[in-house]
C-alpha cells in the first residue's frame, strides 16, 4: 500500500476555507455573509493575566519584612505604571525600587509586592480576504474565498495584506537592500532568498507589508520573528531559489491584492504559512493529502536536492535499498534538468 503524501498547495485557482478560532472562549465580532480582509479583527478574548513579583526587601537589602513595609509607598489594589516608584529609602543615599510592568498591586506581603500585569485583549485576525460563511459562537468563524493559494514551510506569525510587487529578476536572486526603495512602501514583496539581516531591517523601515521568500539563512530566524510584517518562506532554509511553480504564479499576479498569514507550521492542527490571492472565478476544493502516483509534480525536501521541483516518474514497488543502506518506500524522480534520481517518498511532498 502506498503511503499517504503531504500536499503543499501552489495552485492558481482553488476554493480556500479556513477556520479562525480563539485560544479561549470570547466574543465574535462579525456576522455570516460579511466580507473581511486579512487584517480585520473577527473575534477577541481576554487571556489569563500574568504576574510580576518584586522582592523589595532583597532589592533594598533590608533586614526584615516589617522594615520593608515602612518604605513601600503603594497600597493594595493600586494601579501603577511601568517605572513608577514602588518603594524608596529616606536615607542620605536614596535608593528606589521601580515597577517592572504596568498593572494592579494584588499582594503586599513578606517584603514582596505582587503585580497583576495589564493584558491587552487577544484580537483574532481574519488571515485572508473572503466571506464569513459560519459563526462559531464564542469560538471564531469560518471564512471562504476563491483564488490562488501558495503554502510555505515557515512563517513568523504575522498577518497582513497589500499589493504584490516583484523586486527580483529571477527566482534565485538574493534579496538585498539595494533592491528596495520607497516606491514599494505598503506592498507585499517577492524575494528569492535572504541572507542579510539588513535586508529585513530595510524592509521594515520602508515599511513593506509583507515578504514572500523562497528561502532564508537559518541565522535570520530571530530577526525575522521580530519584524512587524509577515514573512513566509516557501521552500526551506539556506540559499534555495524559489521553486519555479510558485515564482511563476506570483509573477503573473503582480499588482493584485494578496493576503499573507505567516502562521507557524503546525503538523497537529494542519496550520501552515500561506498566501491567498482572492479571485472572482469559481473553484473546487483541493485535497490536503494524496497518495503518490506517477506523473505528479513533487518537491524534494532533503539535501542535496532541497527545494528542487520535479516529476514523480514511478513509484517503486515494495521497499527499495537506498545508498545509505536503509530500505524504504521510494520513487524515481525526474528533475527539471532531466536528471533522474531515486528518493524515499518520505522526502517528497506533492505540489498541487
C-alpha atoms as a PDB file:
ATOM      1  CA  UNK A   1       0.000   0.000   0.000  1.00  0.00           C
ATOM      2  CA  UNK A   2       1.376   3.403  -0.992  1.00  0.00           C
ATOM      3  CA  UNK A   3       1.924   5.818   1.885  1.00  0.00           C
ATOM      4  CA  UNK A   4      -0.155   8.994   2.191  1.00  0.00           C
ATOM      5  CA  UNK A   5       1.653  12.080   0.952  1.00  0.00           C
ATOM      6  CA  UNK A   6       1.547  15.617   2.322  1.00  0.00           C
ATOM      7  CA  UNK A   7       0.227  18.139  -0.189  1.00  0.00           C
ATOM      8  CA  UNK A   8       1.663  21.627  -0.461  1.00  0.00           C
ATOM      9  CA  UNK A   9      -0.789  23.804  -2.344  1.00  0.00           C
ATOM     10  CA  UNK A  10       0.655  26.070  -5.023  1.00  0.00           C
ATOM     11  CA  UNK A  11      -2.371  26.429  -7.267  1.00  0.00           C
ATOM     12  CA  UNK A  12      -3.665  29.283  -9.471  1.00  0.00           C
ATOM     13  CA  UNK A  13      -7.309  28.705  -8.528  1.00  0.00           C
ATOM     14  CA  UNK A  14      -8.912  26.752  -5.690  1.00  0.00           C
ATOM     15  CA  UNK A  15     -11.562  27.130  -3.002  1.00  0.00           C
ATOM     16  CA  UNK A  16      -9.985  28.195   0.295  1.00  0.00           C
ATOM     17  CA  UNK A  17     -11.936  27.670   3.508  1.00  0.00           C
ATOM     18  CA  UNK A  18     -10.301  28.431   6.837  1.00  0.00           C
ATOM     19  CA  UNK A  19     -11.479  28.158  10.436  1.00  0.00           C
ATOM     20  CA  UNK A  20     -10.192  31.056  12.533  1.00  0.00           C
ATOM     21  CA  UNK A  21     -10.514  30.143  16.217  1.00  0.00           C
ATOM     22  CA  UNK A  22      -9.784  31.884  19.522  1.00  0.00           C
ATOM     23  CA  UNK A  23      -7.458  30.170  22.041  1.00  0.00           C
ATOM     24  CA  UNK A  24     -10.171  30.541  24.717  1.00  0.00           C
ATOM     25  CA  UNK A  25     -13.860  31.452  24.589  1.00  0.00           C
ATOM     26  CA  UNK A  26     -14.523  35.072  23.731  1.00  0.00           C
ATOM     27  CA  UNK A  27     -16.620  37.327  21.529  1.00  0.00           C
ATOM     28  CA  UNK A  28     -17.139  37.053  17.761  1.00  0.00           C
ATOM     29  CA  UNK A  29     -17.263  40.481  16.094  1.00  0.00           C
ATOM     30  CA  UNK A  30     -18.535  39.632  12.594  1.00  0.00           C
ATOM     31  CA  UNK A  31     -21.678  38.124  11.066  1.00  0.00           C
ATOM     32  CA  UNK A  32     -22.424  35.466   8.466  1.00  0.00           C
ATOM     33  CA  UNK A  33     -22.206  36.945   4.972  1.00  0.00           C
ATOM     34  CA  UNK A  34     -19.858  39.733   5.993  1.00  0.00           C
ATOM     35  CA  UNK A  35     -16.819  40.350   3.766  1.00  0.00           C
ATOM     36  CA  UNK A  36     -13.471  40.703   5.553  1.00  0.00           C
ATOM     37  CA  UNK A  37      -9.848  41.368   4.651  1.00  0.00           C
ATOM     38  CA  UNK A  38      -6.879  39.560   6.169  1.00  0.00           C
ATOM     39  CA  UNK A  39      -6.098  42.189   8.825  1.00  0.00           C
ATOM     40  CA  UNK A  40      -9.714  42.601  10.050  1.00  0.00           C
ATOM     41  CA  UNK A  41     -10.292  41.545  13.667  1.00  0.00           C
ATOM     42  CA  UNK A  42     -13.039  38.906  13.626  1.00  0.00           C
ATOM     43  CA  UNK A  43     -13.078  37.898  17.316  1.00  0.00           C
ATOM     44  CA  UNK A  44     -11.425  38.784  20.610  1.00  0.00           C
ATOM     45  CA  UNK A  45     -10.924  37.391  24.095  1.00  0.00           C
ATOM     46  CA  UNK A  46      -9.110  38.059  27.347  1.00  0.00           C
ATOM     47  CA  UNK A  47      -6.196  35.767  28.089  1.00  0.00           C
ATOM     48  CA  UNK A  48      -5.128  34.760  31.576  1.00  0.00           C
ATOM     49  CA  UNK A  49      -3.361  37.618  33.340  1.00  0.00           C
ATOM     50  CA  UNK A  50       0.339  37.380  34.103  1.00  0.00           C
ATOM     51  CA  UNK A  51       2.055  38.413  37.335  1.00  0.00           C
ATOM     52  CA  UNK A  52       5.351  40.040  38.283  1.00  0.00           C
ATOM     53  CA  UNK A  53       6.863  39.567  41.756  1.00  0.00           C
ATOM     54  CA  UNK A  54       9.057  42.377  43.096  1.00  0.00           C
ATOM     55  CA  UNK A  55      11.236  41.439  46.073  1.00  0.00           C
ATOM     56  CA  UNK A  56      11.609  44.864  47.676  1.00  0.00           C
ATOM     57  CA  UNK A  57      13.389  43.563  50.788  1.00  0.00           C
ATOM     58  CA  UNK A  58      16.172  41.974  48.788  1.00  0.00           C
ATOM     59  CA  UNK A  59      16.431  44.898  46.329  1.00  0.00           C
ATOM     60  CA  UNK A  60      16.958  47.376  49.170  1.00  0.00           C
ATOM     61  CA  UNK A  61      18.992  44.930  51.291  1.00  0.00           C
ATOM     62  CA  UNK A  62      16.702  45.375  54.325  1.00  0.00           C
ATOM     63  CA  UNK A  63      16.744  43.054  57.319  1.00  0.00           C
ATOM     64  CA  UNK A  64      13.029  42.397  57.893  1.00  0.00           C
ATOM     65  CA  UNK A  65       9.651  42.396  56.181  1.00  0.00           C
ATOM     66  CA  UNK A  66       8.349  44.889  58.751  1.00  0.00           C
ATOM     67  CA  UNK A  67      11.128  47.345  57.915  1.00  0.00           C
ATOM     68  CA  UNK A  68      10.411  46.835  54.224  1.00  0.00           C
ATOM     69  CA  UNK A  69       6.699  47.557  54.664  1.00  0.00           C
ATOM     70  CA  UNK A  70       7.555  51.006  56.015  1.00  0.00           C
ATOM     71  CA  UNK A  71       9.368  52.017  52.821  1.00  0.00           C
ATOM     72  CA  UNK A  72       6.754  50.671  50.375  1.00  0.00           C
ATOM     73  CA  UNK A  73       4.853  53.688  49.006  1.00  0.00           C
ATOM     74  CA  UNK A  74       1.987  51.760  47.414  1.00  0.00           C
ATOM     75  CA  UNK A  75      -1.306  50.280  48.584  1.00  0.00           C
ATOM     76  CA  UNK A  76      -3.109  47.054  47.859  1.00  0.00           C
ATOM     77  CA  UNK A  77      -5.320  47.416  44.774  1.00  0.00           C
ATOM     78  CA  UNK A  78      -3.477  50.479  43.481  1.00  0.00           C
ATOM     79  CA  UNK A  79      -2.868  50.741  39.724  1.00  0.00           C
ATOM     80  CA  UNK A  80       0.697  51.585  38.759  1.00  0.00           C
ATOM     81  CA  UNK A  81       2.598  52.207  35.542  1.00  0.00           C
ATOM     82  CA  UNK A  82       5.902  50.735  34.453  1.00  0.00           C
ATOM     83  CA  UNK A  83       8.848  52.565  36.148  1.00  0.00           C
ATOM     84  CA  UNK A  84       6.627  54.022  38.910  1.00  0.00           C
ATOM     85  CA  UNK A  85       8.367  54.030  42.293  1.00  0.00           C
ATOM     86  CA  UNK A  86       7.175  51.149  44.486  1.00  0.00           C
ATOM     87  CA  UNK A  87       9.463  51.750  47.455  1.00  0.00           C
ATOM     88  CA  UNK A  88      12.259  54.101  48.479  1.00  0.00           C
ATOM     89  CA  UNK A  89      14.561  54.672  51.396  1.00  0.00           C
ATOM     90  CA  UNK A  90      14.695  58.102  53.017  1.00  0.00           C
ATOM     91  CA  UNK A  91      18.343  57.942  53.883  1.00  0.00           C
ATOM     92  CA  UNK A  92      21.094  60.211  52.653  1.00  0.00           C
ATOM     93  CA  UNK A  93      21.834  57.937  49.693  1.00  0.00           C
ATOM     94  CA  UNK A  94      18.308  57.464  48.362  1.00  0.00           C
ATOM     95  CA  UNK A  95      17.525  54.097  46.781  1.00  0.00           C
ATOM     96  CA  UNK A  96      14.338  53.211  44.952  1.00  0.00           C
ATOM     97  CA  UNK A  97      12.564  50.155  43.571  1.00  0.00           C
ATOM     98  CA  UNK A  98      10.513  50.691  40.422  1.00  0.00           C
ATOM     99  CA  UNK A  99       7.681  48.699  38.878  1.00  0.00           C
ATOM    100  CA  UNK A 100       8.950  46.436  36.064  1.00  0.00           C
ATOM    101  CA  UNK A 101       5.494  46.388  34.423  1.00  0.00           C
ATOM    102  CA  UNK A 102       2.175  48.243  34.447  1.00  0.00           C
ATOM    103  CA  UNK A 103      -0.695  46.692  36.383  1.00  0.00           C
ATOM    104  CA  UNK A 104      -2.515  46.401  39.725  1.00  0.00           C
ATOM    105  CA  UNK A 105      -0.916  45.542  43.072  1.00  0.00           C
ATOM    106  CA  UNK A 106      -2.698  42.397  44.273  1.00  0.00           C
ATOM    107  CA  UNK A 107      -0.472  41.378  47.211  1.00  0.00           C
ATOM    108  CA  UNK A 108       1.960  43.081  49.583  1.00  0.00           C
ATOM    109  CA  UNK A 109       3.450  40.557  51.988  1.00  0.00           C
ATOM    110  CA  UNK A 110       6.780  39.310  53.333  1.00  0.00           C
ATOM    111  CA  UNK A 111       8.662  42.258  51.871  1.00  0.00           C
ATOM    112  CA  UNK A 112       7.394  41.431  48.377  1.00  0.00           C
ATOM    113  CA  UNK A 113       4.935  43.136  46.020  1.00  0.00           C
ATOM    114  CA  UNK A 114       2.916  41.093  43.506  1.00  0.00           C
ATOM    115  CA  UNK A 115       1.684  42.982  40.419  1.00  0.00           C
ATOM    116  CA  UNK A 116      -1.027  41.639  38.114  1.00  0.00           C
ATOM    117  CA  UNK A 117       0.036  42.895  34.694  1.00  0.00           C
ATOM    118  CA  UNK A 118      -2.189  44.689  32.217  1.00  0.00           C
ATOM    119  CA  UNK A 119      -3.000  42.318  29.361  1.00  0.00           C
ATOM    120  CA  UNK A 120      -4.488  43.801  26.190  1.00  0.00           C
ATOM    121  CA  UNK A 121      -7.277  41.701  24.676  1.00  0.00           C
ATOM    122  CA  UNK A 122      -6.238  38.967  22.247  1.00  0.00           C
ATOM    123  CA  UNK A 123      -7.544  40.002  18.824  1.00  0.00           C
ATOM    124  CA  UNK A 124      -8.004  37.303  16.186  1.00  0.00           C
ATOM    125  CA  UNK A 125      -7.461  38.469  12.601  1.00  0.00           C
ATOM    126  CA  UNK A 126      -9.204  37.001   9.581  1.00  0.00           C
ATOM    127  CA  UNK A 127      -5.966  35.861   7.941  1.00  0.00           C
ATOM    128  CA  UNK A 128      -7.371  36.037   4.399  1.00  0.00           C
ATOM    129  CA  UNK A 129      -9.735  38.127   2.283  1.00  0.00           C
ATOM    130  CA  UNK A 130     -13.113  36.425   1.933  1.00  0.00           C
ATOM    131  CA  UNK A 131     -16.649  35.990   3.243  1.00  0.00           C
ATOM    132  CA  UNK A 132     -17.744  34.741   6.654  1.00  0.00           C
ATOM    133  CA  UNK A 133     -19.781  31.600   5.942  1.00  0.00           C
ATOM    134  CA  UNK A 134     -20.292  30.425   9.534  1.00  0.00           C
ATOM    135  CA  UNK A 135     -20.020  31.872  13.029  1.00  0.00           C
ATOM    136  CA  UNK A 136     -18.950  29.539  15.840  1.00  0.00           C
ATOM    137  CA  UNK A 137     -20.372  31.258  18.957  1.00  0.00           C
ATOM    138  CA  UNK A 138     -17.657  32.380  21.406  1.00  0.00           C
ATOM    139  CA  UNK A 139     -15.031  30.484  19.368  1.00  0.00           C
ATOM    140  CA  UNK A 140     -14.466  32.005  15.940  1.00  0.00           C
ATOM    141  CA  UNK A 141     -15.544  31.895  12.307  1.00  0.00           C
ATOM    142  CA  UNK A 142     -15.258  30.045   9.012  1.00  0.00           C
ATOM    143  CA  UNK A 143     -14.058  32.202   6.107  1.00  0.00           C
ATOM    144  CA  UNK A 144     -14.180  31.207   2.449  1.00  0.00           C
ATOM    145  CA  UNK A 145     -12.798  32.613  -0.779  1.00  0.00           C
ATOM    146  CA  UNK A 146     -11.766  31.514  -4.274  1.00  0.00           C
ATOM    147  CA  UNK A 147      -8.309  32.283  -5.541  1.00  0.00           C
ATOM    148  CA  UNK A 148      -4.643  31.402  -5.870  1.00  0.00           C
ATOM    149  CA  UNK A 149      -3.101  29.630  -2.878  1.00  0.00           C
ATOM    150  CA  UNK A 150       0.588  29.258  -2.009  1.00  0.00           C
ATOM    151  CA  UNK A 151       1.693  27.411   1.112  1.00  0.00           C
ATOM    152  CA  UNK A 152       5.125  27.603   2.722  1.00  0.00           C
ATOM    153  CA  UNK A 153       7.296  25.835   5.256  1.00  0.00           C
ATOM    154  CA  UNK A 154       7.947  28.660   7.758  1.00  0.00           C
ATOM    155  CA  UNK A 155       6.257  31.859   8.886  1.00  0.00           C
ATOM    156  CA  UNK A 156       6.897  34.473  11.563  1.00  0.00           C
ATOM    157  CA  UNK A 157       3.311  34.531  12.869  1.00  0.00           C
ATOM    158  CA  UNK A 158       2.184  37.898  11.450  1.00  0.00           C
ATOM    159  CA  UNK A 159      -0.797  38.708   9.203  1.00  0.00           C
ATOM    160  CA  UNK A 160      -1.273  41.458   6.610  1.00  0.00           C
ATOM    161  CA  UNK A 161      -2.357  42.189   3.058  1.00  0.00           C
ATOM    162  CA  UNK A 162      -1.268  44.503   0.274  1.00  0.00           C
ATOM    163  CA  UNK A 163      -0.437  44.853  -3.409  1.00  0.00           C
ATOM    164  CA  UNK A 164       2.045  42.264  -4.705  1.00  0.00           C
ATOM    165  CA  UNK A 165       5.314  43.526  -6.236  1.00  0.00           C
ATOM    166  CA  UNK A 166       8.329  41.625  -7.560  1.00  0.00           C
ATOM    167  CA  UNK A 167      11.756  43.017  -6.672  1.00  0.00           C
ATOM    168  CA  UNK A 168      13.763  40.166  -8.218  1.00  0.00           C
ATOM    169  CA  UNK A 169      14.725  39.331 -11.808  1.00  0.00           C
ATOM    170  CA  UNK A 170      14.924  35.563 -11.237  1.00  0.00           C
ATOM    171  CA  UNK A 171      13.696  33.079  -8.648  1.00  0.00           C
ATOM    172  CA  UNK A 172      17.258  32.692  -7.349  1.00  0.00           C
ATOM    173  CA  UNK A 173      18.069  36.373  -6.753  1.00  0.00           C
ATOM    174  CA  UNK A 174      19.198  37.361  -3.282  1.00  0.00           C
ATOM    175  CA  UNK A 175      17.055  39.977  -1.535  1.00  0.00           C
ATOM    176  CA  UNK A 176      19.424  42.886  -0.873  1.00  0.00           C
ATOM    177  CA  UNK A 177      18.852  46.408   0.486  1.00  0.00           C
ATOM    178  CA  UNK A 178      19.698  47.944  -2.903  1.00  0.00           C
ATOM    179  CA  UNK A 179      16.686  46.216  -4.480  1.00  0.00           C
ATOM    180  CA  UNK A 180      14.214  48.036  -2.220  1.00  0.00           C
ATOM    181  CA  UNK A 181      13.058  51.659  -2.349  1.00  0.00           C
ATOM    182  CA  UNK A 182      10.194  53.874  -1.179  1.00  0.00           C
ATOM    183  CA  UNK A 183       8.067  53.017  -4.226  1.00  0.00           C
ATOM    184  CA  UNK A 184       7.443  49.637  -2.553  1.00  0.00           C
ATOM    185  CA  UNK A 185       6.083  51.151   0.650  1.00  0.00           C
ATOM    186  CA  UNK A 186       2.975  49.300   1.806  1.00  0.00           C
ATOM    187  CA  UNK A 187       3.450  46.424  -0.675  1.00  0.00           C
ATOM    188  CA  UNK A 188       3.921  42.664  -0.340  1.00  0.00           C
ATOM    189  CA  UNK A 189       7.272  41.856  -1.984  1.00  0.00           C
ATOM    190  CA  UNK A 190       8.561  38.701  -3.706  1.00  0.00           C
ATOM    191  CA  UNK A 191      12.171  37.783  -2.892  1.00  0.00           C
ATOM    192  CA  UNK A 192      14.368  34.881  -3.999  1.00  0.00           C
ATOM    193  CA  UNK A 193      16.415  34.147  -0.884  1.00  0.00           C
ATOM    194  CA  UNK A 194      17.559  36.316   2.018  1.00  0.00           C
ATOM    195  CA  UNK A 195      20.936  36.123   3.738  1.00  0.00           C
ATOM    196  CA  UNK A 196      21.405  39.548   5.347  1.00  0.00           C
ATOM    197  CA  UNK A 197      19.689  40.971   8.441  1.00  0.00           C
ATOM    198  CA  UNK A 198      19.946  44.463   6.973  1.00  0.00           C
ATOM    199  CA  UNK A 199      17.640  43.376   4.138  1.00  0.00           C
ATOM    200  CA  UNK A 200      14.877  42.657   6.638  1.00  0.00           C
ATOM    201  CA  UNK A 201      15.638  45.854   8.545  1.00  0.00           C
ATOM    202  CA  UNK A 202      15.348  47.979   5.373  1.00  0.00           C
ATOM    203  CA  UNK A 203      12.065  46.210   4.550  1.00  0.00           C
ATOM    204  CA  UNK A 204      10.775  47.234   7.992  1.00  0.00           C
ATOM    205  CA  UNK A 205      11.891  50.849   7.579  1.00  0.00           C
ATOM    206  CA  UNK A 206      10.113  51.391   4.236  1.00  0.00           C
ATOM    207  CA  UNK A 207       7.864  49.723   5.507  1.00  0.00           C
ATOM    208  CA  UNK A 208       6.792  46.694   3.491  1.00  0.00           C
ATOM    209  CA  UNK A 209       3.546  44.983   4.498  1.00  0.00           C
ATOM    210  CA  UNK A 210       4.933  41.517   3.857  1.00  0.00           C
ATOM    211  CA  UNK A 211       7.644  39.409   2.277  1.00  0.00           C
ATOM    212  CA  UNK A 212       7.496  36.097   0.389  1.00  0.00           C
ATOM    213  CA  UNK A 213      10.860  34.307   0.147  1.00  0.00           C
ATOM    214  CA  UNK A 214      11.991  31.098  -1.454  1.00  0.00           C
ATOM    215  CA  UNK A 215      14.476  30.549   1.359  1.00  0.00           C
ATOM    216  CA  UNK A 216      16.364  32.270   4.148  1.00  0.00           C
ATOM    217  CA  UNK A 217      19.553  31.561   6.054  1.00  0.00           C
ATOM    218  CA  UNK A 218      18.707  29.852   9.390  1.00  0.00           C
ATOM    219  CA  UNK A 219      20.545  32.537  11.373  1.00  0.00           C
ATOM    220  CA  UNK A 220      17.980  35.137  10.292  1.00  0.00           C
ATOM    221  CA  UNK A 221      15.067  33.421  12.067  1.00  0.00           C
ATOM    222  CA  UNK A 222      15.377  35.512  15.303  1.00  0.00           C
ATOM    223  CA  UNK A 223      15.483  38.722  13.225  1.00  0.00           C
ATOM    224  CA  UNK A 224      12.504  37.678  11.091  1.00  0.00           C
ATOM    225  CA  UNK A 225      10.452  36.793  14.164  1.00  0.00           C
ATOM    226  CA  UNK A 226      10.837  40.358  15.478  1.00  0.00           C
ATOM    227  CA  UNK A 227       9.561  42.005  12.291  1.00  0.00           C
ATOM    228  CA  UNK A 228       6.100  43.596  12.485  1.00  0.00           C
ATOM    229  CA  UNK A 229       5.164  42.377   8.988  1.00  0.00           C
ATOM    230  CA  UNK A 230       4.555  38.768   7.861  1.00  0.00           C
ATOM    231  CA  UNK A 231       7.424  36.802   6.324  1.00  0.00           C
ATOM    232  CA  UNK A 232       6.743  33.494   4.573  1.00  0.00           C
ATOM    233  CA  UNK A 233       9.458  31.047   3.470  1.00  0.00           C
ATOM    234  CA  UNK A 234       8.161  28.765   0.714  1.00  0.00           C
ATOM    235  CA  UNK A 235      10.941  26.210   0.147  1.00  0.00           C
ATOM    236  CA  UNK A 236      13.297  25.915   3.119  1.00  0.00           C
ATOM    237  CA  UNK A 237      16.416  27.322   4.762  1.00  0.00           C
ATOM    238  CA  UNK A 238      19.674  28.096   3.007  1.00  0.00           C
ATOM    239  CA  UNK A 239      20.276  29.631  -0.419  1.00  0.00           C
ATOM    240  CA  UNK A 240      17.464  27.777  -2.205  1.00  0.00           C
ATOM    241  CA  UNK A 241      15.856  29.551  -5.182  1.00  0.00           C
ATOM    242  CA  UNK A 242      12.086  29.884  -5.017  1.00  0.00           C
ATOM    243  CA  UNK A 243      10.552  26.935  -6.865  1.00  0.00           C
ATOM    244  CA  UNK A 244       9.540  27.959 -10.388  1.00  0.00           C
ATOM    245  CA  UNK A 245       5.890  26.967  -9.963  1.00  0.00           C
ATOM    246  CA  UNK A 246       5.450  29.397  -7.059  1.00  0.00           C
ATOM    247  CA  UNK A 247       7.597  32.101  -8.657  1.00  0.00           C
ATOM    248  CA  UNK A 248       5.678  31.999 -11.928  1.00  0.00           C
ATOM    249  CA  UNK A 249       2.313  32.031 -10.141  1.00  0.00           C
ATOM    250  CA  UNK A 250       3.298  35.039  -8.053  1.00  0.00           C
ATOM    251  CA  UNK A 251       4.803  36.836 -11.039  1.00  0.00           C
ATOM    252  CA  UNK A 252       1.587  36.509 -13.044  1.00  0.00           C
ATOM    253  CA  UNK A 253      -0.363  38.108 -10.180  1.00  0.00           C
ATOM    254  CA  UNK A 254       1.845  41.163  -9.617  1.00  0.00           C
ATOM    255  CA  UNK A 255      -0.222  44.270  -8.775  1.00  0.00           C
ATOM    256  CA  UNK A 256      -3.065  42.153  -7.395  1.00  0.00           C
ATOM    257  CA  UNK A 257      -4.010  42.269  -3.710  1.00  0.00           C
ATOM    258  CA  UNK A 258      -2.536  39.367  -1.749  1.00  0.00           C
ATOM    259  CA  UNK A 259      -3.160  38.287   1.863  1.00  0.00           C
ATOM    260  CA  UNK A 260      -0.377  36.739   3.949  1.00  0.00           C
ATOM    261  CA  UNK A 261      -0.994  34.627   7.031  1.00  0.00           C
ATOM    262  CA  UNK A 262       2.506  33.663   8.189  1.00  0.00           C
ATOM    263  CA  UNK A 263       1.202  31.145  10.738  1.00  0.00           C
ATOM    264  CA  UNK A 264       3.934  28.846  12.097  1.00  0.00           C
ATOM    265  CA  UNK A 265       3.765  25.333  10.656  1.00  0.00           C
ATOM    266  CA  UNK A 266       1.800  23.001  12.979  1.00  0.00           C
ATOM    267  CA  UNK A 267       1.592  19.346  11.964  1.00  0.00           C
ATOM    268  CA  UNK A 268      -1.095  18.637  14.583  1.00  0.00           C
ATOM    269  CA  UNK A 269      -3.605  21.305  13.525  1.00  0.00           C
ATOM    270  CA  UNK A 270      -2.610  21.465   9.870  1.00  0.00           C
ATOM    271  CA  UNK A 271      -1.905  25.208  10.116  1.00  0.00           C
ATOM    272  CA  UNK A 272       0.876  26.454   7.871  1.00  0.00           C
ATOM    273  CA  UNK A 273       2.032  29.775   6.434  1.00  0.00           C
ATOM    274  CA  UNK A 274       0.178  30.692   3.272  1.00  0.00           C
ATOM    275  CA  UNK A 275      -0.579  33.432   0.786  1.00  0.00           C
ATOM    276  CA  UNK A 276      -4.010  33.855  -0.824  1.00  0.00           C
ATOM    277  CA  UNK A 277      -4.891  35.982  -3.847  1.00  0.00           C
ATOM    278  CA  UNK A 278      -8.694  36.208  -3.909  1.00  0.00           C
ATOM    279  CA  UNK A 279     -10.216  35.911  -7.392  1.00  0.00           C
ATOM    280  CA  UNK A 280     -13.860  36.046  -8.526  1.00  0.00           C
ATOM    281  CA  UNK A 281     -13.782  32.790 -10.543  1.00  0.00           C
ATOM    282  CA  UNK A 282     -15.495  29.655  -9.121  1.00  0.00           C
ATOM    283  CA  UNK A 283     -13.216  26.885  -7.856  1.00  0.00           C
ATOM    284  CA  UNK A 284     -13.180  23.425  -6.287  1.00  0.00           C
ATOM    285  CA  UNK A 285     -11.588  22.253  -3.055  1.00  0.00           C
ATOM    286  CA  UNK A 286      -8.069  20.818  -3.211  1.00  0.00           C
ATOM    287  CA  UNK A 287      -7.208  17.738  -1.084  1.00  0.00           C
ATOM    288  CA  UNK A 288      -4.951  18.113   1.935  1.00  0.00           C
ATOM    289  CA  UNK A 289      -3.403  14.642   1.462  1.00  0.00           C
ATOM    290  CA  UNK A 290      -2.993  12.326  -1.522  1.00  0.00           C
ATOM    291  CA  UNK A 291      -1.188   9.129  -2.478  1.00  0.00           C
ATOM    292  CA  UNK A 292       1.973   9.152  -4.546  1.00  0.00           C
ATOM    293  CA  UNK A 293       1.305   8.457  -8.232  1.00  0.00           C
ATOM    294  CA  UNK A 294       3.401   8.626 -11.387  1.00  0.00           C
ATOM    295  CA  UNK A 295       3.102  11.976 -13.137  1.00  0.00           C
ATOM    296  CA  UNK A 296       2.704  14.101 -10.015  1.00  0.00           C
ATOM    297  CA  UNK A 297       4.684  17.296  -9.568  1.00  0.00           C
ATOM    298  CA  UNK A 298       6.756  16.938  -6.409  1.00  0.00           C
ATOM    299  CA  UNK A 299       9.275  18.945  -4.390  1.00  0.00           C
ATOM    300  CA  UNK A 300      12.371  17.418  -2.794  1.00  0.00           C
ATOM    301  CA  UNK A 301      12.685  18.094   0.945  1.00  0.00           C
ATOM    302  CA  UNK A 302      16.192  16.747   1.603  1.00  0.00           C
ATOM    303  CA  UNK A 303      19.757  17.675   0.623  1.00  0.00           C
ATOM    304  CA  UNK A 304      21.434  17.786  -1.821  1.00  0.00           C
ATOM    305  CA  UNK A 305      18.299  18.483  -3.901  1.00  0.00           C
ATOM    306  CA  UNK A 306      16.352  20.528  -1.318  1.00  0.00           C
ATOM    307  CA  UNK A 307      13.690  22.735  -2.876  1.00  0.00           C
ATOM    308  CA  UNK A 308      14.036  21.328  -6.378  1.00  0.00           C
ATOM    309  CA  UNK A 309      10.841  20.528  -8.247  1.00  0.00           C
ATOM    310  CA  UNK A 310      10.421  17.524 -10.497  1.00  0.00           C
ATOM    311  CA  UNK A 311       8.066  14.843 -11.763  1.00  0.00           C
ATOM    312  CA  UNK A 312       7.490  11.550  -9.990  1.00  0.00           C
ATOM    313  CA  UNK A 313       8.214   9.124 -12.857  1.00  0.00           C
ATOM    314  CA  UNK A 314       7.463   5.922 -10.982  1.00  0.00           C
ATOM    315  CA  UNK A 315       6.543   4.695  -7.516  1.00  0.00           C
ATOM    316  CA  UNK A 316       8.806   1.695  -6.943  1.00  0.00           C
ATOM    317  CA  UNK A 317       7.134  -1.473  -5.605  1.00  0.00           C
ATOM    318  CA  UNK A 318       7.856  -2.682  -2.084  1.00  0.00           C
ATOM    319  CA  UNK A 319      10.905  -1.360  -0.237  1.00  0.00           C
ATOM    320  CA  UNK A 320      13.980  -0.077  -2.078  1.00  0.00           C
ATOM    321  CA  UNK A 321      17.523  -0.257  -0.707  1.00  0.00           C
ATOM    322  CA  UNK A 322      18.929   3.290  -0.723  1.00  0.00           C
ATOM    323  CA  UNK A 323      22.558   4.429  -0.995  1.00  0.00           C
ATOM    324  CA  UNK A 324      22.790   4.736   2.804  1.00  0.00           C
ATOM    325  CA  UNK A 325      21.806   1.077   3.190  1.00  0.00           C
ATOM    326  CA  UNK A 326      18.311   1.723   4.539  1.00  0.00           C
ATOM    327  CA  UNK A 327      15.235   0.225   2.911  1.00  0.00           C
ATOM    328  CA  UNK A 328      12.220   2.491   2.368  1.00  0.00           C
ATOM    329  CA  UNK A 329       9.306   3.216   0.059  1.00  0.00           C
ATOM    330  CA  UNK A 330      10.860   5.155  -2.818  1.00  0.00           C
ATOM    331  CA  UNK A 331      10.230   6.603  -6.260  1.00  0.00           C
ATOM    332  CA  UNK A 332      12.041   7.684  -9.376  1.00  0.00           C
ATOM    333  CA  UNK A 333      12.079  11.469  -9.725  1.00  0.00           C
ATOM    334  CA  UNK A 334      12.947  13.378 -12.897  1.00  0.00           C
ATOM    335  CA  UNK A 335      14.272  16.834 -12.045  1.00  0.00           C
ATOM    336  CA  UNK A 336      13.992  19.960 -14.193  1.00  0.00           C
ATOM    337  CA  UNK A 337      17.433  19.298 -15.734  1.00  0.00           C
ATOM    338  CA  UNK A 338      16.157  15.850 -16.832  1.00  0.00           C
ATOM    339  CA  UNK A 339      18.317  14.058 -14.265  1.00  0.00           C
ATOM    340  CA  UNK A 340      16.568  11.015 -12.782  1.00  0.00           C
ATOM    341  CA  UNK A 341      17.213  10.055  -9.161  1.00  0.00           C
ATOM    342  CA  UNK A 342      15.821   7.587  -6.631  1.00  0.00           C
ATOM    343  CA  UNK A 343      14.483   9.170  -3.433  1.00  0.00           C
ATOM    344  CA  UNK A 344      12.491   7.938  -0.433  1.00  0.00           C
ATOM    345  CA  UNK A 345       8.852   9.025  -0.641  1.00  0.00           C
ATOM    346  CA  UNK A 346       9.146  10.474   2.878  1.00  0.00           C
ATOM    347  CA  UNK A 347      11.496  13.106   1.438  1.00  0.00           C
ATOM    348  CA  UNK A 348       8.959  14.342  -1.114  1.00  0.00           C
ATOM    349  CA  UNK A 349       5.835  16.421  -0.948  1.00  0.00           C
ATOM    350  CA  UNK A 350       3.273  16.916  -3.689  1.00  0.00           C
ATOM    351  CA  UNK A 351       2.809  20.360  -5.229  1.00  0.00           C
ATOM    352  CA  UNK A 352      -0.827  20.752  -6.148  1.00  0.00           C
END
